[in-house]
Amino acid sequence: METFSEFIFSDGLKLGLAVLLGGVIGLEREASDKPAGLRTNILICVGSALMMILSIRVAQQFATTVADPGRIAQGVITGIGFLGAGTILHSRGGVTGLTTAATTWAVSGVGLVLGSGFFLLGIMSTLLILVVLWLLAKIEKALPNGKGKHTLLRVVSEEPVGHLDAVRILLEREGISPAGWNYRRLRDGHCVVVDCSLPGKQLPRLISQVAALPGIRSARKL
C-alpha cells in the first residue's frame, strides 16, 4: 500500500499535469468559441491519464497472468473517436468541427502519455498542438487562396431558433452560403459561429446588419 506522499509524486503528478496541459489546450479552444472547451479538454486528458494509470496498475497487480496495459488505452482511443464524431456537423454540403474532433483525439493521446509517466513527451506534444491550433490558423487566414477567404462570424442571441433563423435569412438575402454553423449554449443566451466566405470589404456592413437584427446581442468577427 503506497503512502499519500508516494501517490502525490507518482500518479498525483500525472493527474495534475493532465489537468494543466488539458486546460491549456482547452483555454485556446474556449477562446475560439469551440464546443469542446476548457472543461471538456481537461476531462478528456484526465480521464485518459486515469485509464492509463489503471492499465499499468492492473498489469502490475496481475503480473502472473497475461495483462496487456495497451488494451485499456486502445479502448480509450476508440471511445474518443465516438466523442469526436459528435463534434462534427454537416450543413448545406459543408463539414465543420473536424479540427475540434482531431483536438479531442490528440488531447486523449496527451493524457495517455502522461498516465504512462512520459512527462516531457506530454509537454512537447501539448506545445505542438497549440502551435497547430493557434499559429497555423493565423497562417491559413493569411493565405490568399486558402482558408483566408473564410470568415468566422460570432453571433450571440437571446433565443436559439427565431433570432438565429433571422441571421440565416439575412445571409441568404446577401447571397452568402455558410460552410457551417457551430452552435453552443451560453449561460444567458445562445451563440452561433458561422463559417462563411465573403470579401473583406463586405464584412463590416454584414456585421452591422446582423447586429441590428431583433434579439441579437452582439456580432463580431473571430
Protein backbone atom coordinates (compact mmCIF):
# COMPACT_ATOMS: atom_id res chain seq x y z
CA MET A 1 0.00 0.00 0.00
CA GLU A 2 1.56 3.27 -1.09
CA THR A 3 1.60 6.32 1.17
CA PHE A 4 -0.05 9.64 0.34
CA SER A 5 3.32 11.27 -0.39
CA GLU A 6 4.22 8.43 -2.77
CA PHE A 7 0.90 8.92 -4.58
CA ILE A 8 1.47 12.69 -4.92
CA PHE A 9 4.88 12.20 -6.54
CA SER A 10 3.70 9.42 -8.84
CA ASP A 11 0.09 9.18 -10.01
CA GLY A 12 -0.88 12.50 -8.43
CA LEU A 13 1.74 14.26 -10.54
CA LYS A 14 0.41 12.57 -13.68
CA LEU A 15 -3.17 13.64 -13.00
CA GLY A 16 -2.07 17.17 -12.06
CA LEU A 17 -0.17 17.59 -15.32
CA ALA A 18 -3.18 16.22 -17.19
CA VAL A 19 -5.33 18.97 -15.66
CA LEU A 20 -2.73 21.62 -16.53
CA LEU A 21 -1.97 20.57 -20.11
CA GLY A 22 -5.58 19.72 -20.94
CA GLY A 23 -6.57 23.09 -19.51
CA VAL A 24 -4.06 24.99 -21.64
CA ILE A 25 -5.43 23.43 -24.82
CA GLY A 26 -8.98 23.92 -23.54
CA LEU A 27 -8.38 27.63 -23.00
CA GLU A 28 -7.34 28.01 -26.64
CA ARG A 29 -10.49 26.18 -27.75
CA GLU A 30 -12.62 28.26 -25.37
CA ALA A 31 -11.16 31.48 -26.76
CA SER A 32 -12.09 30.29 -30.26
CA ASP A 33 -15.71 29.56 -29.19
CA LYS A 34 -15.42 25.86 -29.94
CA PRO A 35 -17.89 23.34 -28.45
CA ALA A 36 -15.10 21.32 -26.78
CA GLY A 37 -13.70 23.98 -24.46
CA LEU A 38 -11.89 24.19 -21.14
CA ARG A 39 -13.77 21.61 -19.06
CA THR A 40 -14.15 19.13 -21.91
CA ASN A 41 -10.44 19.03 -22.73
CA ILE A 42 -9.46 18.78 -19.06
CA LEU A 43 -11.84 15.86 -18.55
CA ILE A 44 -10.58 14.11 -21.69
CA CYS A 45 -6.95 14.49 -20.65
CA VAL A 46 -7.53 13.49 -17.01
CA GLY A 47 -9.77 10.58 -17.99
CA SER A 48 -7.23 9.26 -20.48
CA ALA A 49 -4.42 9.58 -17.92
CA LEU A 50 -6.56 7.79 -15.33
CA MET A 51 -7.30 4.91 -17.70
CA MET A 52 -3.60 4.55 -18.49
CA ILE A 53 -2.69 4.57 -14.80
CA LEU A 54 -5.32 1.90 -14.22
CA SER A 55 -3.90 -0.18 -17.09
CA ILE A 56 -0.41 -0.09 -15.61
CA ARG A 57 -1.63 -0.92 -12.10
CA VAL A 58 -3.72 -3.85 -13.31
CA ALA A 59 -0.72 -5.20 -15.23
CA GLN A 60 1.46 -4.87 -12.13
CA GLN A 61 -1.08 -6.45 -9.79
CA PHE A 62 -1.75 -9.40 -12.04
CA ALA A 63 1.79 -9.86 -13.28
CA THR A 64 1.48 -13.63 -13.04
CA THR A 65 -1.21 -13.65 -15.72
CA VAL A 66 -1.42 -12.15 -19.18
CA ALA A 67 -2.13 -8.44 -18.63
CA ASP A 68 -1.65 -6.02 -21.51
CA PRO A 69 -1.62 -2.32 -20.44
CA GLY A 70 -2.34 -1.33 -24.04
CA ARG A 71 -5.82 -2.83 -24.10
CA ILE A 72 -7.50 -0.15 -21.99
CA ALA A 73 -5.58 2.55 -23.90
CA GLN A 74 -6.95 1.10 -27.13
CA GLY A 75 -10.46 1.35 -25.69
CA VAL A 76 -9.87 5.00 -24.77
CA ILE A 77 -8.89 5.88 -28.34
CA THR A 78 -12.00 4.14 -29.66
CA GLY A 79 -14.23 5.96 -27.19
CA ILE A 80 -12.70 9.34 -28.05
CA GLY A 81 -13.48 8.59 -31.70
CA PHE A 82 -17.18 8.49 -30.88
CA LEU A 83 -16.88 11.69 -28.85
CA GLY A 84 -15.08 13.43 -31.71
CA ALA A 85 -17.73 12.28 -34.18
CA GLY A 86 -20.30 14.13 -32.10
CA THR A 87 -18.49 17.43 -32.68
CA ILE A 88 -18.57 17.12 -36.49
CA LEU A 89 -21.52 18.89 -38.09
CA HIS A 90 -22.83 18.74 -41.66
CA SER A 91 -24.60 21.77 -43.08
CA ARG A 92 -25.55 22.52 -46.68
CA GLY A 93 -22.85 20.27 -48.08
CA GLY A 94 -20.19 21.68 -45.76
CA VAL A 95 -18.47 20.00 -42.84
CA THR A 96 -17.37 21.75 -39.66
CA GLY A 97 -15.86 20.54 -36.41
CA LEU A 98 -13.10 18.36 -37.87
CA THR A 99 -10.39 20.35 -36.08
CA THR A 100 -12.28 20.05 -32.78
CA ALA A 101 -12.63 16.30 -33.27
CA ALA A 102 -8.93 15.96 -34.05
CA THR A 103 -8.08 18.07 -31.00
CA THR A 104 -10.05 15.84 -28.62
CA TRP A 105 -8.27 12.82 -30.10
CA ALA A 106 -4.86 14.46 -29.66
CA VAL A 107 -5.67 15.55 -26.09
CA SER A 108 -6.59 11.98 -25.19
CA GLY A 109 -3.18 10.97 -26.52
CA VAL A 110 -1.54 13.52 -24.23
CA GLY A 111 -3.45 12.04 -21.30
CA LEU A 112 -2.31 8.51 -22.17
CA VAL A 113 1.29 9.70 -22.45
CA LEU A 114 1.12 11.42 -19.04
CA GLY A 115 -0.54 8.38 -17.49
CA SER A 116 2.41 6.31 -18.73
CA GLY A 117 4.82 8.70 -16.99
CA PHE A 118 6.35 10.32 -20.09
CA PHE A 119 6.06 13.88 -18.84
CA LEU A 120 8.43 15.58 -21.29
CA LEU A 121 6.71 13.91 -24.24
CA GLY A 122 3.34 15.11 -22.94
CA ILE A 123 4.56 18.69 -22.55
CA MET A 124 6.16 18.75 -26.01
CA SER A 125 3.01 17.26 -27.57
CA THR A 126 0.90 19.95 -25.92
CA LEU A 127 3.15 22.69 -27.31
CA LEU A 128 2.90 21.20 -30.81
CA ILE A 129 -0.90 21.00 -30.55
CA LEU A 130 -1.02 24.68 -29.54
CA VAL A 131 1.25 25.62 -32.46
CA VAL A 132 -1.06 23.83 -34.88
CA LEU A 133 -4.24 25.33 -33.39
CA TRP A 134 -3.04 28.90 -32.99
CA LEU A 135 -0.03 29.69 -35.17
CA LEU A 136 -1.02 27.65 -38.22
CA ALA A 137 -4.55 29.04 -38.02
CA LYS A 138 -3.05 32.53 -38.36
CA ILE A 139 -1.02 31.43 -41.37
CA GLU A 140 -4.06 29.82 -43.03
CA LYS A 141 -6.06 33.03 -42.70
CA ALA A 142 -3.22 34.97 -44.34
CA LEU A 143 -3.07 32.73 -47.41
CA PRO A 144 -4.56 34.44 -50.49
CA ASN A 145 -6.04 31.24 -51.92
CA GLY A 146 -6.54 29.22 -48.77
CA LYS A 147 -8.82 29.41 -45.79
CA GLY A 148 -8.14 33.10 -45.54
CA LYS A 149 -11.27 33.62 -47.65
CA HIS A 150 -13.38 32.12 -44.90
CA THR A 151 -14.64 34.32 -42.11
CA LEU A 152 -15.87 33.13 -38.73
CA LEU A 153 -18.75 35.33 -37.59
CA ARG A 154 -19.74 35.02 -33.92
CA VAL A 155 -23.35 35.92 -33.17
CA VAL A 156 -24.93 35.96 -29.70
CA SER A 157 -28.72 35.97 -29.47
CA GLU A 158 -31.42 35.83 -26.79
CA GLU A 159 -33.26 32.85 -28.30
CA PRO A 160 -31.88 29.82 -30.18
CA VAL A 161 -34.37 29.47 -33.02
CA GLY A 162 -36.15 32.61 -34.22
CA HIS A 163 -33.29 35.04 -33.88
CA LEU A 164 -30.65 32.77 -35.41
CA ASP A 165 -33.07 31.93 -38.21
CA ALA A 166 -33.20 35.65 -38.97
CA VAL A 167 -29.42 35.57 -39.38
CA ARG A 168 -29.75 32.72 -41.88
CA ILE A 169 -32.36 34.64 -43.88
CA LEU A 170 -30.12 37.73 -43.93
CA LEU A 171 -27.16 35.74 -45.21
CA GLU A 172 -29.29 34.17 -47.94
CA ARG A 173 -30.53 37.61 -48.97
CA GLU A 174 -26.92 38.79 -49.24
CA GLY A 175 -26.06 35.77 -51.39
CA ILE A 176 -23.83 34.19 -48.72
CA SER A 177 -23.86 30.40 -48.32
CA PRO A 178 -22.29 29.43 -44.96
CA ALA A 179 -19.94 26.44 -44.98
CA GLY A 180 -21.02 25.53 -41.46
CA TRP A 181 -22.79 26.57 -38.26
CA ASN A 182 -21.29 25.90 -34.81
CA TYR A 183 -23.89 26.34 -32.05
CA ARG A 184 -23.28 26.47 -28.29
CA ARG A 185 -25.47 27.32 -25.31
CA LEU A 186 -24.36 30.20 -23.11
CA ARG A 187 -25.43 30.89 -19.54
CA ASP A 188 -27.54 33.86 -20.51
CA GLY A 189 -28.09 33.35 -24.21
CA HIS A 190 -27.16 31.43 -27.33
CA CYS A 191 -24.09 31.64 -29.55
CA VAL A 192 -23.52 30.51 -33.11
CA VAL A 193 -20.28 30.76 -35.09
CA VAL A 194 -20.94 30.98 -38.82
CA ASP A 195 -18.22 29.90 -41.24
CA CYS A 196 -18.78 31.90 -44.41
CA SER A 197 -16.81 33.15 -47.39
CA LEU A 198 -17.10 36.80 -48.38
CA PRO A 199 -14.93 39.74 -49.47
CA GLY A 200 -13.25 41.67 -46.66
CA LYS A 201 -14.95 44.94 -47.71
CA GLN A 202 -18.36 43.35 -47.21
CA LEU A 203 -17.66 42.19 -43.65
CA PRO A 204 -18.20 45.44 -41.69
CA ARG A 205 -21.55 46.06 -43.38
CA LEU A 206 -22.65 42.47 -42.77
CA ILE A 207 -21.71 42.65 -39.09
CA SER A 208 -23.71 45.86 -38.73
CA GLN A 209 -26.72 44.28 -40.41
CA VAL A 210 -26.59 41.18 -38.20
CA ALA A 211 -26.13 43.24 -35.02
CA ALA A 212 -29.18 45.34 -35.95
CA LEU A 213 -31.48 42.29 -36.12
CA PRO A 214 -34.07 41.99 -33.31
CA GLY A 215 -32.87 39.81 -30.44
CA ILE A 216 -29.23 39.83 -31.49
CA ARG A 217 -26.98 40.93 -28.64
CA SER A 218 -23.66 41.05 -30.48
CA ALA A 219 -21.95 40.16 -33.73
CA ARG A 220 -18.23 40.18 -34.40
CA LYS A 221 -15.52 38.54 -36.47
CA LEU A 222 -13.37 35.91 -34.78
